[in-house]
Amino acid sequence: MAGGGREWTLNASRLELGGLNYVGVVDSMLNGQVIKVLKFTTTDMKIRDLVQSAEVSPGVKLVTTARAGSTSTVSSGRIELFTIQLKGKLDVLGIKIPVDYTAAHPPPLNVPFVTFTDVTVRNTDLKGGKLTIPGARISVVTVPQAPVERR
């Protein structure tokens, strides 16, 4: 079972995965609950216009942003991704096909490399690799909470 524990989201204008292998649907921990996720391994990730966010406490998000137009990388060996949802446009020879992969709707093919555009990836864990983010900016954002109704 994947360690995970907290959901985090990656948004990017382009995501390239090389040395890719779709392992299958596996169990992962999220907020103390076991959930089904997609497991991928890859050896090379290129992420254009990276914005990564995670709720660190109720109403508080940590947001990491790369310099606009830059390409962040994850490299240096085998990388394991545990993904709740991968939504975006699959780029096949310049044709952009909308996809929305989840444990209930996994990818139909296992291919060695893939490119997505306008992508949002919700993850529980990433293991391995070295993340490089050009011009990284980290900020703490307060997210308004819905008012609690009192009776």
Protein backbone atom coordinates (compact mmCIF):
# COMPACT_ATOMS: atom_id res chain seq x y z
CA MET A 1 0.00 0.00 0.00
CA ALA A 2 1.24 3.48 -0.87
CA GLY A 3 2.13 5.73 2.06
CA GLY A 4 0.49 8.96 0.92
CA GLY A 5 -1.67 10.53 3.56
CA ARG A 6 -2.44 13.90 2.01
CA GLU A 7 -3.80 14.77 -1.40
CA TRP A 8 -1.81 17.22 -3.50
CA THR A 9 -2.61 18.64 -6.92
CA LEU A 10 -0.37 19.38 -9.87
CA ASN A 11 -1.53 21.75 -12.61
CA ALA A 12 0.55 22.23 -15.75
CA SER A 13 0.21 23.47 -19.30
CA ARG A 14 2.22 20.41 -20.44
CA LEU A 15 3.27 17.15 -18.78
CA GLU A 16 5.64 14.71 -20.51
CA LEU A 17 6.27 11.26 -19.00
CA GLY A 18 9.09 9.09 -20.34
CA GLY A 19 10.00 5.52 -19.45
CA LEU A 20 6.36 5.21 -18.45
CA ASN A 21 4.63 2.09 -17.14
CA TYR A 22 1.02 1.92 -15.96
CA VAL A 23 1.20 -0.65 -13.13
CA GLY A 24 -2.53 -0.78 -12.33
CA VAL A 25 -5.01 0.11 -9.58
CA VAL A 26 -3.59 -0.16 -6.04
CA ASP A 27 -4.55 0.82 -2.50
CA SER A 28 -3.28 4.09 -0.99
CA MET A 29 -3.88 5.93 2.28
CA LEU A 30 -5.60 9.31 2.17
CA ASN A 31 -6.61 11.10 5.34
CA GLY A 32 -6.53 7.81 7.25
CA GLN A 33 -8.74 6.01 4.70
CA VAL A 34 -7.73 3.37 2.15
CA ILE A 35 -8.65 4.44 -1.38
CA LYS A 36 -8.03 3.04 -4.87
CA VAL A 37 -5.51 4.94 -7.02
CA LEU A 38 -3.66 4.52 -10.30
CA LYS A 39 0.00 3.54 -9.96
CA PHE A 40 2.50 4.60 -12.61
CA THR A 41 6.27 4.32 -12.78
CA THR A 42 8.35 6.62 -14.94
CA THR A 43 12.00 7.59 -15.32
CA ASP A 44 11.56 11.13 -16.61
CA MET A 45 8.98 13.87 -16.03
CA LYS A 46 8.89 17.30 -17.66
CA ILE A 47 6.32 19.74 -16.28
CA ARG A 48 5.72 23.09 -18.01
CA ASP A 49 4.22 25.92 -15.91
CA LEU A 50 4.10 23.84 -12.72
CA VAL A 51 1.67 24.83 -9.97
CA GLN A 52 1.50 22.36 -7.10
CA SER A 53 -0.80 22.75 -4.11
CA ALA A 54 -1.85 20.88 -0.98
CA GLU A 55 -4.05 21.67 1.98
CA VAL A 56 -1.75 21.65 5.03
CA SER A 57 -4.47 22.39 7.59
CA PRO A 58 -8.16 23.26 7.34
CA GLY A 59 -8.45 26.37 5.21
CA VAL A 60 -4.69 26.68 4.55
CA LYS A 61 -2.96 25.62 1.30
CA LEU A 62 0.71 25.49 0.47
CA VAL A 63 1.24 26.48 -3.19
CA THR A 64 4.48 26.01 -5.12
CA THR A 65 4.75 27.78 -8.48
CA ALA A 66 7.50 27.57 -11.10
CA ARG A 67 8.63 30.58 -13.11
CA ALA A 68 6.11 31.23 -15.91
CA GLY A 69 7.04 29.41 -19.12
CA SER A 70 9.64 27.22 -17.41
CA THR A 71 9.91 23.43 -17.43
CA SER A 72 10.33 21.66 -14.10
CA THR A 73 11.81 18.16 -14.11
CA VAL A 74 11.71 15.02 -12.02
CA SER A 75 14.61 12.72 -12.86
CA SER A 76 17.40 10.52 -11.47
CA GLY A 77 15.99 7.03 -11.49
CA ARG A 78 12.68 5.26 -11.05
CA ILE A 79 9.75 7.43 -9.98
CA GLU A 80 6.49 6.01 -8.60
CA LEU A 81 3.27 8.04 -8.89
CA PHE A 82 0.07 7.26 -6.98
CA THR A 83 -2.70 9.16 -8.72
CA ILE A 84 -6.34 9.74 -7.76
CA GLN A 85 -7.17 11.51 -11.03
CA LEU A 86 -5.32 12.53 -14.19
CA LYS A 87 -7.41 14.92 -16.28
CA GLY A 88 -6.31 16.83 -19.36
CA LYS A 89 -5.74 16.50 -23.06
CA LEU A 90 -3.72 13.55 -24.34
CA ASP A 91 -1.53 14.80 -27.18
CA VAL A 92 -1.38 12.16 -29.93
CA LEU A 93 0.55 13.46 -32.96
CA GLY A 94 -0.82 16.96 -32.34
CA ILE A 95 -4.40 15.79 -31.86
CA LYS A 96 -5.58 16.65 -28.34
CA ILE A 97 -7.95 14.04 -26.88
CA PRO A 98 -9.69 14.88 -23.58
CA VAL A 99 -9.08 12.22 -20.92
CA ASP A 100 -10.11 11.77 -17.29
CA TYR A 101 -8.37 8.75 -15.74
CA THR A 102 -9.30 7.45 -12.27
CA ALA A 103 -9.27 4.05 -10.57
CA ALA A 104 -12.82 3.54 -11.88
CA HIS A 105 -11.75 4.61 -15.41
CA PRO A 106 -8.06 3.69 -15.86
CA PRO A 107 -6.01 4.30 -19.01
CA PRO A 108 -6.86 1.74 -21.71
CA LEU A 109 -3.27 1.31 -22.95
CA ASN A 110 0.18 1.02 -21.41
CA VAL A 111 2.56 3.14 -23.48
CA PRO A 112 6.27 3.96 -22.85
CA PHE A 113 5.86 7.74 -23.14
CA VAL A 114 2.99 10.21 -23.17
CA THR A 115 2.32 13.95 -23.33
CA PHE A 116 -0.64 15.75 -21.76
CA THR A 117 -1.62 19.40 -22.09
CA ASP A 118 -3.83 21.52 -19.81
CA VAL A 119 -3.42 18.82 -17.18
CA THR A 120 -4.55 18.47 -13.57
CA VAL A 121 -3.22 15.53 -11.58
CA ARG A 122 -4.47 14.71 -8.08
CA ASN A 123 -1.95 12.52 -6.23
CA THR A 124 -1.48 10.83 -2.87
CA ASP A 125 2.24 10.11 -3.23
CA LEU A 126 5.34 10.41 -5.40
CA LYS A 127 8.38 8.30 -4.58
CA GLY A 128 11.86 8.66 -6.00
CA GLY A 129 13.40 11.11 -8.39
CA LYS A 130 14.74 14.60 -7.89
CA LEU A 131 12.36 17.53 -8.46
CA THR A 132 13.86 20.70 -9.96
CA ILE A 133 11.59 23.77 -10.14
CA PRO A 134 13.06 26.82 -11.94
CA GLY A 135 12.29 30.05 -10.07
CA ALA A 136 10.24 28.24 -7.41
CA ARG A 137 7.93 30.43 -5.34
CA ILE A 138 6.25 28.98 -2.29
CA SER A 139 3.26 30.69 -0.71
CA VAL A 140 0.69 29.98 1.96
CA VAL A 141 -2.87 30.71 0.88
CA THR A 142 -5.90 30.98 3.14
CA VAL A 143 -8.93 29.31 1.62
CA PRO A 144 -12.31 30.64 2.81
CA GLN A 145 -14.23 28.01 4.73
CA ALA A 146 -17.97 27.52 4.32
CA PRO A 147 -19.83 28.89 7.35
CA VAL A 148 -21.04 26.31 9.84
CA GLU A 149 -24.79 26.37 10.24
CA ARG A 150 -25.87 26.52 13.88
CA ARG A 151 -29.18 25.26 15.14
